């Protein structure tokens, strides 16, 4: 999991409306709790967690306290897109 979050630091923070995540049967989705725990372990706080199309999407703050919006692959929990939001 740390690899996923390490990649986040390399993702350019750009504005975008949604993400293009692959489609999986619901039986293959990773658990929301797994993602929430991994984010909390990395210092993120989640304000809003939702399913957006074929992605998990979170709004919250990173460990530096900056607002973020991140889309995750529902099976692998890989980051599909991420952006920093203005406070």
N, C-alpha and C. Protein backbone atom coordinates (compact mmCIF):
# COMPACT_ATOMS: atom_id res chain seq x y z
N UNK A 1 0.80 -1.19 0.00
CA UNK A 1 0.00 0.00 0.00
C UNK A 1 0.85 1.26 0.00
N UNK A 2 1.97 1.24 0.69
CA UNK A 2 2.80 2.44 0.73
C UNK A 2 3.26 2.85 -0.66
N UNK A 3 3.45 1.86 -1.54
CA UNK A 3 3.85 2.15 -2.92
C UNK A 3 2.81 3.03 -3.60
N UNK A 4 1.53 2.71 -3.38
CA UNK A 4 0.44 3.49 -3.98
C UNK A 4 0.55 4.94 -3.54
N UNK A 5 0.74 5.15 -2.26
CA UNK A 5 0.77 6.51 -1.74
C UNK A 5 2.07 7.22 -2.09
N UNK A 6 3.13 6.47 -2.26
CA UNK A 6 4.38 7.09 -2.72
C UNK A 6 4.18 7.63 -4.14
N UNK A 7 3.42 6.92 -4.93
CA UNK A 7 3.15 7.40 -6.28
C UNK A 7 2.36 8.71 -6.28
N UNK A 8 1.54 8.90 -5.26
CA UNK A 8 0.75 10.12 -5.18
C UNK A 8 1.64 11.35 -5.20
N UNK A 9 2.79 11.28 -4.59
CA UNK A 9 3.68 12.43 -4.57
C UNK A 9 4.24 12.73 -5.96
N UNK A 10 4.18 11.76 -6.86
CA UNK A 10 4.69 11.95 -8.21
C UNK A 10 3.61 12.40 -9.20
N UNK A 11 2.35 12.29 -8.80
CA UNK A 11 1.25 12.63 -9.69
C UNK A 11 1.09 14.14 -9.72
N UNK A 12 1.14 14.75 -10.92
CA UNK A 12 0.93 16.19 -10.98
C UNK A 12 -0.50 16.52 -10.52
N UNK A 13 -0.64 17.55 -9.74
CA UNK A 13 -1.95 17.93 -9.25
C UNK A 13 -2.60 18.87 -10.26
N UNK A 14 -3.58 18.33 -10.99
CA UNK A 14 -4.24 19.07 -12.04
C UNK A 14 -5.73 19.08 -11.78
N UNK A 15 -6.40 20.06 -12.35
CA UNK A 15 -7.85 20.12 -12.23
C UNK A 15 -8.48 19.16 -13.23
N UNK A 16 -9.49 18.44 -12.78
CA UNK A 16 -10.23 17.55 -13.66
C UNK A 16 -11.57 17.26 -13.02
N UNK A 17 -12.53 16.84 -13.83
CA UNK A 17 -13.87 16.64 -13.31
C UNK A 17 -14.09 15.23 -12.81
N UNK A 18 -13.57 14.23 -13.50
CA UNK A 18 -13.77 12.86 -13.08
C UNK A 18 -12.61 12.01 -13.58
N UNK A 19 -12.67 10.73 -13.28
CA UNK A 19 -11.58 9.83 -13.67
C UNK A 19 -12.14 8.69 -14.51
N UNK A 20 -11.27 8.07 -15.27
CA UNK A 20 -11.65 6.96 -16.13
C UNK A 20 -11.09 5.67 -15.52
N UNK A 21 -11.87 5.07 -14.65
CA UNK A 21 -11.45 3.84 -13.97
C UNK A 21 -11.99 2.62 -14.70
N UNK A 22 -11.24 1.51 -14.66
CA UNK A 22 -11.74 0.28 -15.26
C UNK A 22 -12.98 -0.23 -14.53
N UNK A 23 -13.77 -1.03 -15.23
CA UNK A 23 -14.98 -1.61 -14.66
C UNK A 23 -14.70 -3.03 -14.19
N UNK A 24 -15.16 -3.34 -12.97
CA UNK A 24 -15.02 -4.68 -12.40
C UNK A 24 -16.36 -5.11 -11.83
N UNK A 25 -16.62 -6.41 -11.77
CA UNK A 25 -17.81 -6.87 -11.04
C UNK A 25 -17.65 -6.48 -9.57
N UNK A 26 -18.77 -6.18 -8.92
CA UNK A 26 -18.72 -5.74 -7.52
C UNK A 26 -18.01 -6.76 -6.64
N UNK A 27 -18.09 -8.03 -7.00
CA UNK A 27 -17.44 -9.07 -6.19
C UNK A 27 -15.92 -8.93 -6.19
N UNK A 28 -15.36 -8.17 -7.14
CA UNK A 28 -13.91 -7.98 -7.22
C UNK A 28 -13.43 -6.67 -6.60
N UNK A 29 -14.36 -5.84 -6.15
CA UNK A 29 -13.97 -4.56 -5.56
C UNK A 29 -13.23 -4.79 -4.26
N UNK A 30 -12.19 -4.01 -4.03
CA UNK A 30 -11.53 -4.01 -2.72
C UNK A 30 -12.47 -3.34 -1.73
N UNK A 31 -12.33 -3.68 -0.49
CA UNK A 31 -13.23 -3.12 0.51
C UNK A 31 -12.94 -1.64 0.75
N UNK A 32 -14.01 -0.88 0.96
CA UNK A 32 -13.87 0.54 1.30
C UNK A 32 -13.05 0.70 2.58
N UNK A 33 -13.28 -0.20 3.53
CA UNK A 33 -12.57 -0.11 4.80
C UNK A 33 -11.06 -0.29 4.63
N UNK A 34 -10.66 -1.15 3.70
CA UNK A 34 -9.22 -1.34 3.43
C UNK A 34 -8.60 -0.03 2.96
N UNK A 35 -9.27 0.65 2.03
CA UNK A 35 -8.75 1.92 1.52
C UNK A 35 -8.76 2.98 2.61
N UNK A 36 -9.85 3.08 3.35
CA UNK A 36 -9.94 4.08 4.41
C UNK A 36 -8.83 3.89 5.45
N UNK A 37 -8.58 2.64 5.82
CA UNK A 37 -7.53 2.36 6.81
C UNK A 37 -6.15 2.71 6.26
N UNK A 38 -5.90 2.35 4.99
CA UNK A 38 -4.60 2.65 4.38
C UNK A 38 -4.37 4.16 4.31
N UNK A 39 -5.41 4.91 3.96
CA UNK A 39 -5.28 6.37 3.91
C UNK A 39 -5.03 6.95 5.30
N UNK A 40 -5.76 6.46 6.29
CA UNK A 40 -5.56 6.94 7.67
C UNK A 40 -4.15 6.62 8.14
N UNK A 41 -3.66 5.43 7.81
CA UNK A 41 -2.30 5.03 8.20
C UNK A 41 -1.24 5.93 7.56
N UNK A 42 -1.56 6.51 6.41
CA UNK A 42 -0.63 7.40 5.72
C UNK A 42 -0.82 8.86 6.13
N UNK A 43 -1.72 9.13 7.06
CA UNK A 43 -1.89 10.48 7.57
C UNK A 43 -2.98 11.29 6.89
N UNK A 44 -3.80 10.66 6.06
CA UNK A 44 -4.88 11.37 5.40
C UNK A 44 -6.11 11.41 6.31
N UNK A 45 -6.87 12.49 6.21
CA UNK A 45 -8.18 12.54 6.86
C UNK A 45 -9.21 12.62 5.74
N UNK A 46 -10.27 11.85 5.86
CA UNK A 46 -11.29 11.77 4.82
C UNK A 46 -12.52 12.54 5.26
N UNK A 47 -12.89 13.52 4.45
CA UNK A 47 -14.12 14.27 4.72
C UNK A 47 -15.30 13.60 4.02
N UNK A 48 -15.07 13.13 2.79
CA UNK A 48 -16.13 12.50 2.02
C UNK A 48 -15.54 11.32 1.25
N UNK A 49 -16.22 10.18 1.31
CA UNK A 49 -15.81 8.97 0.59
C UNK A 49 -17.02 8.53 -0.21
N UNK A 50 -16.83 8.30 -1.52
CA UNK A 50 -17.98 7.88 -2.33
C UNK A 50 -17.54 7.03 -3.50
N UNK A 51 -18.52 6.37 -4.09
CA UNK A 51 -18.32 5.66 -5.34
C UNK A 51 -18.72 6.62 -6.45
N UNK A 52 -17.79 6.88 -7.37
CA UNK A 52 -18.04 7.78 -8.50
C UNK A 52 -17.83 6.99 -9.77
N UNK A 53 -18.91 6.53 -10.38
CA UNK A 53 -18.78 5.69 -11.57
C UNK A 53 -18.10 4.39 -11.20
N UNK A 54 -16.93 4.16 -11.76
CA UNK A 54 -16.16 2.95 -11.49
C UNK A 54 -14.97 3.21 -10.56
N UNK A 55 -15.00 4.31 -9.84
CA UNK A 55 -13.89 4.69 -8.96
C UNK A 55 -14.37 4.88 -7.54
N UNK A 56 -13.46 4.66 -6.58
CA UNK A 56 -13.64 5.20 -5.25
C UNK A 56 -13.09 6.61 -5.31
N UNK A 57 -13.79 7.54 -4.70
CA UNK A 57 -13.34 8.93 -4.70
C UNK A 57 -13.34 9.44 -3.26
N UNK A 58 -12.27 10.13 -2.91
CA UNK A 58 -12.23 10.74 -1.58
C UNK A 58 -11.94 12.23 -1.70
N UNK A 59 -12.52 12.96 -0.77
CA UNK A 59 -12.19 14.36 -0.53
C UNK A 59 -11.68 14.40 0.90
N UNK A 60 -10.59 15.07 1.10
CA UNK A 60 -10.06 15.16 2.45
C UNK A 60 -8.80 15.99 2.48
N UNK A 61 -7.93 15.66 3.42
CA UNK A 61 -6.67 16.38 3.59
C UNK A 61 -5.53 15.38 3.68
N UNK A 62 -4.40 15.75 3.06
CA UNK A 62 -3.23 14.89 3.15
C UNK A 62 -2.52 15.14 4.47
N UNK A 63 -1.40 14.46 4.67
CA UNK A 63 -0.72 14.58 5.97
C UNK A 63 -0.15 15.97 6.21
N UNK A 64 -0.01 16.77 5.16
CA UNK A 64 0.44 18.16 5.31
C UNK A 64 -0.73 19.10 5.58
N UNK A 65 -1.96 18.56 5.58
CA UNK A 65 -3.15 19.37 5.84
C UNK A 65 -3.74 20.03 4.61
N UNK A 66 -3.22 19.72 3.43
CA UNK A 66 -3.74 20.32 2.20
C UNK A 66 -4.93 19.51 1.69
N UNK A 67 -5.93 20.21 1.15
CA UNK A 67 -7.12 19.55 0.62
C UNK A 67 -6.76 18.76 -0.63
N UNK A 68 -7.35 17.57 -0.74
CA UNK A 68 -7.11 16.72 -1.91
C UNK A 68 -8.41 16.07 -2.36
N UNK A 69 -8.42 15.71 -3.63
CA UNK A 69 -9.47 14.89 -4.23
C UNK A 69 -8.73 13.78 -4.97
N UNK A 70 -9.02 12.53 -4.63
CA UNK A 70 -8.29 11.41 -5.21
C UNK A 70 -9.27 10.34 -5.68
N UNK A 71 -9.02 9.81 -6.88
CA UNK A 71 -9.81 8.72 -7.45
C UNK A 71 -8.95 7.45 -7.44
N UNK A 72 -9.55 6.35 -6.99
CA UNK A 72 -8.85 5.07 -6.87
C UNK A 72 -9.53 4.00 -7.70
N UNK A 73 -8.73 3.12 -8.29
CA UNK A 73 -9.22 1.91 -8.94
C UNK A 73 -9.90 1.06 -7.86
N UNK A 74 -11.10 0.58 -8.13
CA UNK A 74 -11.88 -0.12 -7.11
C UNK A 74 -11.36 -1.53 -6.81
N UNK A 75 -10.57 -2.09 -7.68
CA UNK A 75 -10.04 -3.43 -7.45
C UNK A 75 -8.63 -3.38 -6.86
N UNK A 76 -7.76 -2.59 -7.47
CA UNK A 76 -6.36 -2.57 -7.05
C UNK A 76 -6.05 -1.46 -6.04
N UNK A 77 -6.95 -0.50 -5.93
CA UNK A 77 -6.78 0.70 -5.10
C UNK A 77 -5.64 1.59 -5.58
N UNK A 78 -5.22 1.40 -6.82
CA UNK A 78 -4.21 2.28 -7.41
C UNK A 78 -4.83 3.66 -7.63
N UNK A 79 -4.02 4.68 -7.50
CA UNK A 79 -4.49 6.04 -7.74
C UNK A 79 -4.64 6.23 -9.24
N UNK A 80 -5.83 6.63 -9.65
CA UNK A 80 -6.11 6.89 -11.05
C UNK A 80 -5.87 8.37 -11.36
N UNK A 81 -6.39 9.24 -10.51
CA UNK A 81 -6.17 10.68 -10.65
C UNK A 81 -6.16 11.30 -9.27
N UNK A 82 -5.43 12.41 -9.16
CA UNK A 82 -5.39 13.14 -7.89
C UNK A 82 -5.23 14.61 -8.17
N UNK A 83 -5.83 15.41 -7.31
CA UNK A 83 -5.66 16.85 -7.44
C UNK A 83 -5.64 17.50 -6.07
N UNK A 84 -4.90 18.56 -6.00
CA UNK A 84 -4.92 19.38 -4.80
C UNK A 84 -6.00 20.42 -4.96
N UNK A 85 -6.69 20.70 -3.91
CA UNK A 85 -7.78 21.69 -3.94
C UNK A 85 -7.37 22.92 -3.17
N UNK A 86 -7.88 24.04 -3.59
CA UNK A 86 -7.58 25.29 -2.88
C UNK A 86 -8.34 25.30 -1.57
N UNK A 87 -7.67 25.79 -0.54
CA UNK A 87 -8.33 25.89 0.78
C UNK A 87 -9.32 27.00 0.80
